[in-house]
N, C-alpha and C. Protein backbone atom coordinates (compact mmCIF):
# COMPACT_ATOMS: atom_id res chain seq x y z
N MET A 1 101.82 109.64 86.82
CA MET A 1 103.12 109.34 87.38
C MET A 1 103.03 109.06 88.89
N LEU A 2 102.23 109.85 89.59
CA LEU A 2 102.08 109.66 91.03
C LEU A 2 101.46 108.31 91.33
N ALA A 3 100.48 107.92 90.53
CA ALA A 3 99.84 106.62 90.74
C ALA A 3 100.83 105.48 90.52
N GLU A 4 101.69 105.61 89.53
CA GLU A 4 102.70 104.58 89.28
C GLU A 4 103.67 104.46 90.46
N ILE A 5 104.04 105.58 91.03
CA ILE A 5 104.96 105.58 92.18
C ILE A 5 104.29 104.93 93.39
N VAL A 6 103.03 105.27 93.63
CA VAL A 6 102.31 104.69 94.77
C VAL A 6 102.15 103.18 94.59
N ILE A 7 101.76 102.76 93.41
CA ILE A 7 101.58 101.32 93.14
C ILE A 7 102.92 100.60 93.26
N SER A 8 103.97 101.17 92.73
CA SER A 8 105.29 100.56 92.82
C SER A 8 105.75 100.49 94.28
N ALA A 9 105.49 101.54 95.05
CA ALA A 9 105.88 101.53 96.46
C ALA A 9 105.11 100.45 97.22
N LEU A 10 103.83 100.29 96.94
CA LEU A 10 103.05 99.24 97.58
C LEU A 10 103.61 97.86 97.25
N LEU A 11 104.00 97.66 96.01
CA LEU A 11 104.56 96.37 95.61
C LEU A 11 105.91 96.10 96.27
N VAL A 12 106.75 97.12 96.36
CA VAL A 12 108.06 96.94 96.99
C VAL A 12 107.90 96.67 98.49
N ILE A 13 107.04 97.44 99.14
CA ILE A 13 106.80 97.23 100.57
C ILE A 13 106.21 95.84 100.80
N ALA A 14 105.28 95.44 99.96
CA ALA A 14 104.69 94.10 100.08
C ALA A 14 105.75 93.02 99.88
N GLY A 15 106.65 93.23 98.94
CA GLY A 15 107.73 92.27 98.72
C GLY A 15 108.66 92.16 99.91
N VAL A 16 108.96 93.28 100.54
CA VAL A 16 109.82 93.26 101.73
C VAL A 16 109.13 92.51 102.87
N PHE A 17 107.85 92.79 103.09
CA PHE A 17 107.10 92.08 104.12
C PHE A 17 107.06 90.58 103.84
N GLY A 18 106.81 90.22 102.59
CA GLY A 18 106.78 88.80 102.23
C GLY A 18 108.12 88.12 102.42
N LEU A 19 109.20 88.81 102.07
CA LEU A 19 110.54 88.26 102.24
C LEU A 19 110.87 88.07 103.72
N VAL A 20 110.56 89.06 104.54
CA VAL A 20 110.82 88.96 105.98
C VAL A 20 109.98 87.84 106.59
N GLY A 21 108.72 87.72 106.19
CA GLY A 21 107.88 86.66 106.71
C GLY A 21 108.35 85.28 106.31
N SER A 22 108.79 85.13 105.08
CA SER A 22 109.30 83.84 104.62
C SER A 22 110.60 83.48 105.33
N TYR A 23 111.48 84.45 105.48
CA TYR A 23 112.75 84.21 106.17
C TYR A 23 112.49 83.81 107.63
N GLY A 24 111.57 84.51 108.28
CA GLY A 24 111.25 84.20 109.67
C GLY A 24 110.64 82.82 109.82
N LEU A 25 109.82 82.42 108.88
CA LEU A 25 109.21 81.09 108.93
C LEU A 25 110.26 80.00 108.83
N LEU A 26 111.30 80.25 108.07
CA LEU A 26 112.36 79.25 107.90
C LEU A 26 113.39 79.27 109.03
N LYS A 27 113.72 80.43 109.55
CA LYS A 27 114.87 80.56 110.44
C LYS A 27 114.57 80.69 111.92
N LEU A 28 113.37 81.05 112.31
CA LEU A 28 113.08 81.19 113.74
C LEU A 28 113.08 79.82 114.40
N PRO A 29 113.49 79.74 115.68
CA PRO A 29 113.77 78.45 116.30
C PRO A 29 112.56 77.58 116.64
N GLY A 30 111.52 78.13 117.24
CA GLY A 30 110.44 77.28 117.74
C GLY A 30 109.12 77.55 117.04
N THR A 31 108.16 76.68 117.30
CA THR A 31 106.85 76.80 116.67
C THR A 31 106.18 78.12 117.03
N MET A 32 106.22 78.48 118.29
CA MET A 32 105.54 79.70 118.71
C MET A 32 106.19 80.96 118.12
N SER A 33 107.49 80.99 118.00
CA SER A 33 108.13 82.16 117.39
C SER A 33 107.96 82.14 115.87
N ARG A 34 107.93 80.97 115.27
CA ARG A 34 107.70 80.88 113.82
C ARG A 34 106.29 81.30 113.44
N LEU A 35 105.38 81.22 114.36
CA LEU A 35 103.99 81.53 114.09
C LEU A 35 103.80 83.00 113.72
N HIS A 36 104.62 83.89 114.26
CA HIS A 36 104.47 85.31 113.98
C HIS A 36 104.85 85.67 112.56
N ALA A 37 105.80 84.98 111.99
CA ALA A 37 106.28 85.36 110.66
C ALA A 37 105.19 85.29 109.59
N PRO A 38 104.51 84.16 109.41
CA PRO A 38 103.50 84.14 108.35
C PRO A 38 102.23 84.91 108.69
N THR A 39 101.88 84.97 109.97
CA THR A 39 100.63 85.63 110.30
C THR A 39 100.75 87.15 110.33
N LYS A 40 101.91 87.66 110.52
CA LYS A 40 102.07 89.11 110.57
C LYS A 40 102.69 89.64 109.27
N SER A 41 103.91 89.26 109.01
CA SER A 41 104.64 89.84 107.88
C SER A 41 104.06 89.42 106.53
N SER A 42 103.83 88.14 106.37
CA SER A 42 103.33 87.68 105.07
C SER A 42 101.92 88.17 104.80
N THR A 43 101.12 88.30 105.84
CA THR A 43 99.78 88.85 105.67
C THR A 43 99.85 90.29 105.17
N MET A 44 100.76 91.05 105.73
CA MET A 44 100.94 92.42 105.25
C MET A 44 101.47 92.45 103.82
N GLY A 45 102.33 91.49 103.49
CA GLY A 45 102.85 91.41 102.12
C GLY A 45 101.76 91.13 101.10
N VAL A 46 100.94 90.14 101.37
CA VAL A 46 99.85 89.82 100.46
C VAL A 46 98.85 90.96 100.41
N GLY A 47 98.58 91.57 101.56
CA GLY A 47 97.67 92.71 101.59
C GLY A 47 98.18 93.87 100.75
N GLY A 48 99.49 94.12 100.78
CA GLY A 48 100.06 95.19 99.97
C GLY A 48 99.94 94.92 98.48
N VAL A 49 100.15 93.67 98.08
CA VAL A 49 100.01 93.32 96.66
C VAL A 49 98.56 93.50 96.21
N LEU A 50 97.63 93.07 97.05
CA LEU A 50 96.22 93.21 96.70
C LEU A 50 95.80 94.68 96.63
N LEU A 51 96.31 95.51 97.54
CA LEU A 51 96.00 96.94 97.47
C LEU A 51 96.61 97.58 96.23
N ALA A 52 97.81 97.16 95.86
CA ALA A 52 98.43 97.67 94.63
C ALA A 52 97.61 97.27 93.41
N SER A 53 97.10 96.05 93.42
CA SER A 53 96.25 95.60 92.31
C SER A 53 94.97 96.42 92.22
N MET A 54 94.37 96.69 93.37
CA MET A 54 93.17 97.53 93.38
C MET A 54 93.46 98.92 92.83
N ALA A 55 94.56 99.49 93.25
CA ALA A 55 94.93 100.83 92.78
C ALA A 55 95.21 100.83 91.28
N TYR A 56 95.87 99.79 90.80
CA TYR A 56 96.18 99.70 89.36
C TYR A 56 94.91 99.66 88.53
N PHE A 57 93.98 98.79 88.92
CA PHE A 57 92.74 98.69 88.14
C PHE A 57 91.90 99.96 88.24
N ALA A 58 91.93 100.63 89.38
CA ALA A 58 91.16 101.86 89.52
C ALA A 58 91.72 102.99 88.68
N VAL A 59 93.06 103.08 88.60
CA VAL A 59 93.68 104.21 87.91
C VAL A 59 93.85 103.94 86.41
N PHE A 60 94.37 102.78 86.06
CA PHE A 60 94.76 102.55 84.67
C PHE A 60 93.69 101.83 83.84
N MET A 61 92.83 101.10 84.45
CA MET A 61 91.81 100.36 83.70
C MET A 61 90.42 100.97 83.86
N ASP A 62 90.31 102.03 84.66
CA ASP A 62 89.02 102.68 84.93
C ASP A 62 87.96 101.68 85.35
N HIS A 63 88.35 100.77 86.20
CA HIS A 63 87.45 99.71 86.65
C HIS A 63 87.73 99.47 88.13
N TRP A 64 86.71 99.57 88.94
CA TRP A 64 86.87 99.30 90.37
C TRP A 64 86.77 97.80 90.59
N SER A 65 87.79 97.25 91.17
CA SER A 65 87.82 95.81 91.44
C SER A 65 87.72 95.59 92.96
N PHE A 66 86.57 95.07 93.37
CA PHE A 66 86.36 94.83 94.79
C PHE A 66 86.75 93.42 95.21
N HIS A 67 87.14 92.59 94.26
CA HIS A 67 87.57 91.24 94.60
C HIS A 67 88.81 91.28 95.51
N GLU A 68 89.74 92.16 95.17
CA GLU A 68 90.95 92.27 95.98
C GLU A 68 90.64 92.77 97.39
N LEU A 69 89.69 93.68 97.50
CA LEU A 69 89.30 94.17 98.82
C LEU A 69 88.69 93.05 99.66
N MET A 70 87.87 92.23 99.04
CA MET A 70 87.26 91.11 99.76
C MET A 70 88.33 90.10 100.19
N ILE A 71 89.29 89.82 99.32
CA ILE A 71 90.37 88.90 99.66
C ILE A 71 91.20 89.47 100.82
N THR A 72 91.50 90.76 100.77
CA THR A 72 92.27 91.40 101.84
C THR A 72 91.53 91.33 103.16
N LEU A 73 90.26 91.65 103.15
CA LEU A 73 89.48 91.58 104.39
C LEU A 73 89.42 90.15 104.93
N PHE A 74 89.21 89.19 104.05
CA PHE A 74 89.19 87.79 104.47
C PHE A 74 90.52 87.39 105.08
N LEU A 75 91.60 87.80 104.46
CA LEU A 75 92.93 87.46 104.95
C LEU A 75 93.20 88.10 106.31
N PHE A 76 92.85 89.36 106.47
CA PHE A 76 93.09 90.04 107.74
C PHE A 76 92.18 89.53 108.86
N LEU A 77 91.05 88.96 108.51
CA LEU A 77 90.17 88.40 109.52
C LEU A 77 90.54 86.97 109.90
N THR A 78 91.00 86.18 108.95
CA THR A 78 91.27 84.76 109.23
C THR A 78 92.67 84.49 109.74
N ALA A 79 93.65 85.29 109.41
CA ALA A 79 95.03 85.02 109.85
C ALA A 79 95.17 85.02 111.37
N PRO A 80 94.61 85.99 112.10
CA PRO A 80 94.75 85.93 113.57
C PRO A 80 94.02 84.74 114.18
N ILE A 81 92.89 84.37 113.62
CA ILE A 81 92.14 83.23 114.15
C ILE A 81 92.93 81.94 113.93
N THR A 82 93.49 81.79 112.75
CA THR A 82 94.32 80.62 112.46
C THR A 82 95.53 80.57 113.38
N CYS A 83 96.16 81.71 113.59
CA CYS A 83 97.31 81.79 114.49
C CYS A 83 96.92 81.36 115.90
N HIS A 84 95.77 81.80 116.36
CA HIS A 84 95.30 81.43 117.69
C HIS A 84 95.08 79.92 117.79
N PHE A 85 94.47 79.32 116.80
CA PHE A 85 94.22 77.87 116.82
C PHE A 85 95.52 77.08 116.82
N ILE A 86 96.47 77.49 116.01
CA ILE A 86 97.76 76.78 115.96
C ILE A 86 98.49 76.93 117.29
N ALA A 87 98.49 78.13 117.87
CA ALA A 87 99.16 78.34 119.16
C ALA A 87 98.50 77.52 120.26
N LYS A 88 97.19 77.48 120.27
CA LYS A 88 96.49 76.71 121.31
C LYS A 88 96.75 75.21 121.15
N ALA A 89 96.76 74.72 119.92
CA ALA A 89 97.08 73.31 119.69
C ALA A 89 98.50 72.99 120.13
N HIS A 90 99.42 73.91 119.86
CA HIS A 90 100.81 73.71 120.28
C HIS A 90 100.91 73.66 121.80
N ILE A 91 100.22 74.55 122.47
CA ILE A 91 100.26 74.57 123.94
C ILE A 91 99.71 73.26 124.50
N HIS A 92 98.62 72.78 123.94
CA HIS A 92 98.04 71.54 124.43
C HIS A 92 98.92 70.33 124.16
N ARG A 93 99.64 70.34 123.06
CA ARG A 93 100.50 69.19 122.74
C ARG A 93 101.84 69.22 123.44
N GLU A 94 102.40 70.40 123.64
CA GLU A 94 103.78 70.51 124.10
C GLU A 94 103.95 70.97 125.54
N GLU A 95 102.98 71.61 126.12
CA GLU A 95 103.14 72.21 127.44
C GLU A 95 102.23 71.53 128.46
N ARG A 96 102.63 71.62 129.71
CA ARG A 96 101.83 71.15 130.84
C ARG A 96 101.58 72.34 131.76
N PRO A 97 100.44 72.37 132.45
CA PRO A 97 100.13 73.54 133.29
C PRO A 97 101.20 73.85 134.33
N GLU A 98 101.82 72.83 134.87
CA GLU A 98 102.83 73.07 135.91
C GLU A 98 104.13 73.67 135.35
N ASN A 99 104.36 73.55 134.06
CA ASN A 99 105.57 74.10 133.45
C ASN A 99 105.41 75.54 132.97
N LEU A 100 104.18 76.04 132.94
CA LEU A 100 103.93 77.39 132.46
C LEU A 100 104.19 78.42 133.56
N PRO A 101 104.54 79.64 133.20
CA PRO A 101 104.78 80.67 134.23
C PRO A 101 103.48 81.05 134.93
N PRO A 102 103.59 81.62 136.12
CA PRO A 102 102.37 82.02 136.84
C PRO A 102 101.61 83.11 136.08
N THR A 103 100.29 83.11 136.24
CA THR A 103 99.46 84.08 135.53
C THR A 103 99.40 85.43 136.22
N GLY A 104 99.78 85.47 137.52
CA GLY A 104 99.72 86.73 138.25
C GLY A 104 98.40 86.94 138.95
N THR A 105 97.48 85.97 138.82
CA THR A 105 96.20 86.04 139.51
C THR A 105 95.95 84.71 140.21
N ASP A 106 94.82 84.59 140.86
CA ASP A 106 94.47 83.33 141.51
C ASP A 106 94.07 82.27 140.49
N ALA A 107 93.63 82.70 139.33
CA ALA A 107 93.19 81.76 138.29
C ALA A 107 94.40 81.20 137.55
N GLY A 108 94.24 80.00 137.03
CA GLY A 108 95.29 79.39 136.23
C GLY A 108 95.15 79.76 134.76
N TRP A 109 95.85 79.04 133.93
CA TRP A 109 95.78 79.26 132.50
C TRP A 109 94.43 78.79 131.98
N ALA A 110 93.72 79.64 131.25
CA ALA A 110 92.37 79.33 130.78
C ALA A 110 92.36 78.17 129.80
N THR A 111 93.41 78.00 129.04
CA THR A 111 93.43 76.92 128.06
C THR A 111 93.47 75.56 128.72
N PHE A 112 93.92 75.50 129.98
CA PHE A 112 93.96 74.23 130.70
C PHE A 112 92.84 74.11 131.74
N ASP A 113 91.96 75.10 131.78
CA ASP A 113 90.86 75.06 132.74
C ASP A 113 89.86 74.00 132.32
N GLU A 114 89.62 73.04 133.18
CA GLU A 114 88.72 71.93 132.85
C GLU A 114 87.29 72.40 132.66
N ALA A 115 86.88 73.42 133.37
CA ALA A 115 85.51 73.92 133.24
C ALA A 115 85.30 74.61 131.90
N ALA A 116 86.39 75.05 131.27
CA ALA A 116 86.27 75.72 129.98
C ALA A 116 86.13 74.74 128.83
N ASP A 117 86.36 73.45 129.09
CA ASP A 117 86.26 72.44 128.03
C ASP A 117 84.82 71.96 127.93
N PRO A 118 84.08 72.28 126.86
CA PRO A 118 82.68 71.91 126.75
C PRO A 118 82.47 70.39 126.69
N ALA A 119 83.45 69.64 126.22
CA ALA A 119 83.30 68.20 126.14
C ALA A 119 83.23 67.57 127.52
N GLU A 120 83.98 68.14 128.47
CA GLU A 120 84.00 67.56 129.81
C GLU A 120 82.81 68.01 130.66
N THR A 121 82.28 69.20 130.40
CA THR A 121 81.14 69.68 131.19
C THR A 121 79.82 69.23 130.62
N LYS A 122 79.82 68.65 129.44
CA LYS A 122 78.59 68.24 128.77
C LYS A 122 77.88 67.13 129.54
N GLY A 123 78.63 66.19 130.11
CA GLY A 123 78.03 65.07 130.80
C GLY A 123 77.52 65.42 132.18
N ASN A 124 77.85 66.57 132.74
CA ASN A 124 77.44 66.94 134.11
C ASN A 124 76.04 67.46 134.15
């Protein structure tokens, strides 16, 4: 009975995270704010479903399923990287260095630093 409650709770929590992430992806105003919904909430939702599946197979089928663990780890490792790439592409397409707020140091924004671009320093 306890295992059923834990698995059910994981599924409900995962469903709430997925619903919040989907709603945020549709309703948030800009690209940068929309980026948080799928990378944070939906990732937690899918992770919760996969953990519930692992628990179900371990308790009721007497079989350890590591496929779900591998999928969860892959998801938690790749979602932040994908979010970073999308955010950086958005900044390069939509923003200019002079329109961004000050960094608070003598250095400018690293994403617009010409020395950080390997394509431009390759010929030197």
